[in-house]
Amino acid sequence: MSQVLKTLPLALALPLILGGCIRFGAEAPPSLLTLTSEAPIAVGETASSATARSISIGALNVPQELAVARVPVRSGETNIAYLKDAHWVEPPSRLFGRLLSDTVSARTGRVVLSLRQSLSDPGARLGGDLRQFGIDAVRNEAVVTFDATLIRDRPAEASGARVPQTFEKRRFEVRVPVATIDAASASTALNRAANQVAVQVADWVGR
């Protein structure tokens, strides 16, 4: 009985000791970064493929450095690190894809469809590779490079024959100066660069 009483305080103390050492999951960053469209879609406006042309935007391909929700910083041709305390709310490919969708819809009037929605009638098809979405520390610039691919929607010939599809590919790149390489400056500059690239892509797609 006395042995049980002696060990009881230690047993009660163990959860308190271990509680200071064990953490479940990584600590949350102080803040998360996101992108904001400079060409927002009007609230309450209805777009219909019966009266407007449609376009489907697929998932964008990315290199491994952009497969995580971090901001890469290039200090040379082969040197890459991630910016301290800079965490996107989700991977850059998803953020840029959503921004691209909003911008194309707002500037062209097209109905933008997801891949699942486009199974019956995809219209034009836009995709590509997001090659760079980070900071060039050598030139102190935020860089967004997007290799876009486009299959334009073409009307059928009068005979009803199917018109062969034609692929178009174009590289878009925008660089925005960054005074200080930190999370706040990087996110602001990348947001500007991403919006400018999205506008160029939308104008290339056209109405």
Protein backbone atom coordinates (compact mmCIF):
# COMPACT_ATOMS: atom_id res chain seq x y z
CA MET A 1 0.00 0.00 0.00
CA SER A 2 2.82 2.40 0.94
CA GLN A 3 4.59 1.60 -2.34
CA VAL A 4 1.45 2.61 -4.28
CA LEU A 5 1.23 5.90 -2.42
CA LYS A 6 4.88 6.64 -3.18
CA THR A 7 4.51 6.05 -6.91
CA LEU A 8 1.20 7.88 -7.29
CA PRO A 9 2.62 11.44 -7.32
CA LEU A 10 5.12 10.45 -10.02
CA ALA A 11 2.36 8.92 -12.13
CA LEU A 12 0.34 12.11 -11.82
CA ALA A 13 3.35 14.23 -12.69
CA LEU A 14 4.26 12.34 -15.88
CA PRO A 15 1.42 13.81 -18.05
CA LEU A 16 2.46 17.31 -16.96
CA ILE A 17 6.11 16.67 -17.80
CA LEU A 18 5.35 15.04 -21.15
CA GLY A 19 2.80 17.72 -21.98
CA GLY A 20 5.61 20.26 -22.20
CA CYS A 21 7.61 18.09 -24.59
CA ILE A 22 5.02 16.60 -26.95
CA ARG A 23 3.29 18.69 -29.63
CA PHE A 24 0.69 17.42 -32.02
CA GLY A 25 1.33 18.82 -35.53
CA ALA A 26 3.48 21.70 -36.67
CA GLU A 27 3.05 25.18 -35.29
CA ALA A 28 0.81 27.41 -37.38
CA PRO A 29 2.63 30.26 -39.19
CA PRO A 30 1.90 33.79 -37.95
CA SER A 31 -0.10 34.51 -41.13
CA LEU A 32 -0.94 32.97 -44.49
CA LEU A 33 -0.59 34.54 -47.94
CA THR A 34 -3.09 34.49 -50.79
CA LEU A 35 -3.82 36.13 -54.16
CA THR A 36 -6.52 38.70 -54.87
CA SER A 37 -7.95 39.21 -58.34
CA GLU A 38 -7.83 42.73 -59.74
CA ALA A 39 -10.63 41.75 -62.16
CA PRO A 40 -13.29 40.35 -59.83
CA ILE A 41 -16.46 38.74 -61.12
CA ALA A 42 -19.58 40.85 -60.56
CA VAL A 43 -21.82 39.56 -57.79
CA GLY A 44 -25.22 38.31 -58.97
CA GLU A 45 -24.30 38.26 -62.67
CA THR A 46 -25.36 35.08 -64.49
CA ALA A 47 -23.24 33.63 -67.28
CA SER A 48 -24.74 31.00 -69.56
CA SER A 49 -23.10 28.84 -72.21
CA ALA A 50 -26.33 29.27 -74.22
CA THR A 51 -25.44 32.89 -74.93
CA ALA A 52 -21.68 33.04 -74.29
CA ARG A 53 -18.73 30.99 -75.40
CA SER A 54 -17.17 28.66 -72.87
CA ILE A 55 -13.64 27.71 -71.89
CA SER A 56 -12.35 25.01 -69.59
CA ILE A 57 -9.23 25.59 -67.49
CA GLY A 58 -7.35 22.50 -66.39
CA ALA A 59 -5.06 21.92 -63.43
CA LEU A 60 -1.69 23.57 -63.94
CA ASN A 61 1.58 21.66 -63.93
CA VAL A 62 4.36 22.84 -61.61
CA PRO A 63 7.98 21.91 -60.88
CA GLN A 64 8.75 20.38 -57.50
CA GLU A 65 9.78 23.72 -55.99
CA LEU A 66 6.17 24.97 -56.43
CA ALA A 67 4.49 21.78 -55.25
CA VAL A 68 4.44 23.15 -51.70
CA ALA A 69 2.77 26.23 -50.21
CA ARG A 70 6.03 28.17 -49.88
CA VAL A 71 7.73 31.07 -51.69
CA PRO A 72 10.94 29.99 -53.45
CA VAL A 73 13.86 32.42 -53.56
CA ARG A 74 16.45 31.96 -56.30
CA SER A 75 19.93 33.29 -55.56
CA GLY A 76 21.44 31.85 -58.73
CA GLU A 77 20.76 29.45 -61.56
CA THR A 78 20.84 26.39 -59.31
CA ASN A 79 20.34 27.78 -55.78
CA ILE A 80 16.83 27.78 -54.31
CA ALA A 81 15.68 28.41 -50.73
CA TYR A 82 12.28 29.16 -49.23
CA LEU A 83 11.41 32.55 -47.81
CA LYS A 84 11.13 32.60 -44.02
CA ASP A 85 7.61 33.03 -42.58
CA ALA A 86 6.06 33.06 -46.07
CA HIS A 87 3.35 30.40 -46.40
CA TRP A 88 0.58 30.39 -49.01
CA VAL A 89 -2.87 29.34 -47.83
CA GLU A 90 -2.72 26.64 -50.54
CA PRO A 91 -0.23 25.65 -53.28
CA PRO A 92 0.56 28.41 -55.84
CA SER A 93 -0.85 26.41 -58.77
CA ARG A 94 -4.34 26.42 -57.22
CA LEU A 95 -4.19 30.09 -56.25
CA PHE A 96 -3.00 31.16 -59.69
CA GLY A 97 -5.47 28.84 -61.43
CA ARG A 98 -8.38 30.43 -59.55
CA LEU A 99 -7.07 33.93 -60.28
CA LEU A 100 -6.72 33.01 -63.95
CA SER A 101 -10.28 31.69 -64.03
CA ASP A 102 -11.71 34.90 -62.53
CA THR A 103 -9.69 37.14 -64.82
CA VAL A 104 -10.58 35.23 -68.00
CA SER A 105 -14.26 35.28 -67.05
CA ALA A 106 -14.29 39.01 -66.18
CA ARG A 107 -12.32 40.21 -69.20
CA THR A 108 -13.68 37.92 -71.92
CA GLY A 109 -17.26 37.27 -70.82
CA ARG A 110 -16.71 33.55 -71.35
CA VAL A 111 -18.21 30.88 -69.13
CA VAL A 112 -15.28 29.24 -67.36
CA LEU A 113 -15.78 25.53 -66.68
CA SER A 114 -13.90 23.01 -64.60
CA LEU A 115 -12.72 19.79 -66.28
CA ARG A 116 -15.66 17.86 -64.83
CA GLN A 117 -18.16 20.47 -66.00
CA SER A 118 -16.64 20.53 -69.48
CA LEU A 119 -17.11 16.84 -70.32
CA SER A 120 -20.12 17.46 -72.55
CA ASP A 121 -18.91 20.67 -74.21
CA PRO A 122 -15.46 21.92 -73.21
CA GLY A 123 -15.37 24.87 -75.59
CA ALA A 124 -11.85 26.23 -75.70
CA ARG A 125 -9.33 24.55 -73.41
CA LEU A 126 -6.64 26.36 -71.46
CA GLY A 127 -3.84 24.77 -69.45
CA GLY A 128 -0.12 24.92 -69.05
CA ASP A 129 2.90 24.96 -66.77
CA LEU A 130 3.49 27.46 -63.98
CA ARG A 131 7.26 27.57 -64.30
CA GLN A 132 8.17 30.29 -61.81
CA PHE A 133 6.25 31.83 -58.95
CA GLY A 134 8.77 33.28 -56.54
CA ILE A 135 11.57 35.75 -55.90
CA ASP A 136 14.72 36.43 -57.91
CA ALA A 137 17.15 37.54 -55.18
CA VAL A 138 19.83 38.54 -57.69
CA ARG A 139 17.60 41.15 -59.35
CA ASN A 140 15.27 41.76 -56.38
CA GLU A 141 12.17 40.92 -58.39
CA ALA A 142 9.06 38.84 -58.00
CA VAL A 143 8.75 36.56 -61.03
CA VAL A 144 5.73 34.77 -62.47
CA THR A 145 6.36 32.65 -65.57
CA PHE A 146 3.50 30.74 -67.16
CA ASP A 147 3.75 28.54 -70.27
CA ALA A 148 0.15 28.50 -71.48
CA THR A 149 -1.39 26.02 -73.91
CA LEU A 150 -4.65 26.76 -75.69
CA ILE A 151 -7.00 24.77 -77.88
CA ARG A 152 -9.40 27.24 -79.41
CA ASP A 153 -13.05 26.37 -79.95
CA ARG A 154 -13.69 26.17 -83.67
CA PRO A 155 -17.12 25.99 -85.35
CA ALA A 156 -17.87 22.90 -87.40
CA GLU A 157 -17.63 23.17 -91.17
CA ALA A 158 -20.82 23.57 -93.20
CA SER A 159 -20.56 19.92 -94.26
CA GLY A 160 -20.59 18.88 -90.62
CA ALA A 161 -17.03 17.66 -90.78
CA ARG A 162 -15.00 18.01 -87.60
CA VAL A 163 -12.38 20.74 -87.75
CA PRO A 164 -8.95 19.49 -86.62
CA GLN A 165 -7.81 20.89 -83.28
CA THR A 166 -4.89 23.28 -83.24
CA PHE A 167 -2.70 23.72 -80.19
CA GLU A 168 -1.22 27.12 -79.39
CA LYS A 169 1.49 27.71 -76.83
CA ARG A 170 2.85 30.96 -75.45
CA ARG A 171 5.11 31.95 -72.58
CA PHE A 172 4.02 34.79 -70.33
CA GLU A 173 6.36 36.36 -67.81
CA VAL A 174 6.05 39.40 -65.56
CA ARG A 175 8.66 40.76 -63.15
CA VAL A 176 7.82 43.21 -60.37
CA PRO A 177 10.51 44.95 -58.26
CA VAL A 178 10.77 43.99 -54.59
CA ALA A 179 12.41 46.51 -52.26
CA THR A 180 12.78 44.07 -49.38
CA ILE A 181 12.77 40.29 -49.60
CA ASP A 182 10.31 39.44 -46.85
CA ALA A 183 6.89 37.81 -46.68
CA ALA A 184 4.82 41.00 -46.93
CA SER A 185 6.76 42.52 -49.84
CA ALA A 186 6.99 39.21 -51.70
CA SER A 187 3.26 38.48 -51.49
CA THR A 188 2.33 42.00 -52.67
CA ALA A 189 4.71 41.84 -55.63
CA LEU A 190 3.71 38.30 -56.59
CA ASN A 191 0.04 39.29 -56.46
CA ARG A 192 0.70 42.17 -58.89
CA ALA A 193 2.76 39.96 -61.20
CA ALA A 194 0.18 37.16 -61.16
CA ASN A 195 -2.63 39.57 -62.03
CA GLN A 196 -0.65 41.05 -64.92
CA VAL A 197 0.07 37.58 -66.33
CA ALA A 198 -3.61 36.62 -65.96
CA VAL A 199 -4.67 39.75 -67.88
CA GLN A 200 -2.23 38.96 -70.70
CA VAL A 201 -3.50 35.38 -70.90
CA ALA A 202 -7.14 36.54 -70.93
CA ASP A 203 -6.46 38.98 -73.76
CA TRP A 204 -4.69 36.20 -75.69
CA VAL A 205 -7.69 33.92 -75.26
CA GLY A 206 -10.00 36.73 -76.41
CA ARG A 207 -13.74 36.63 -76.78
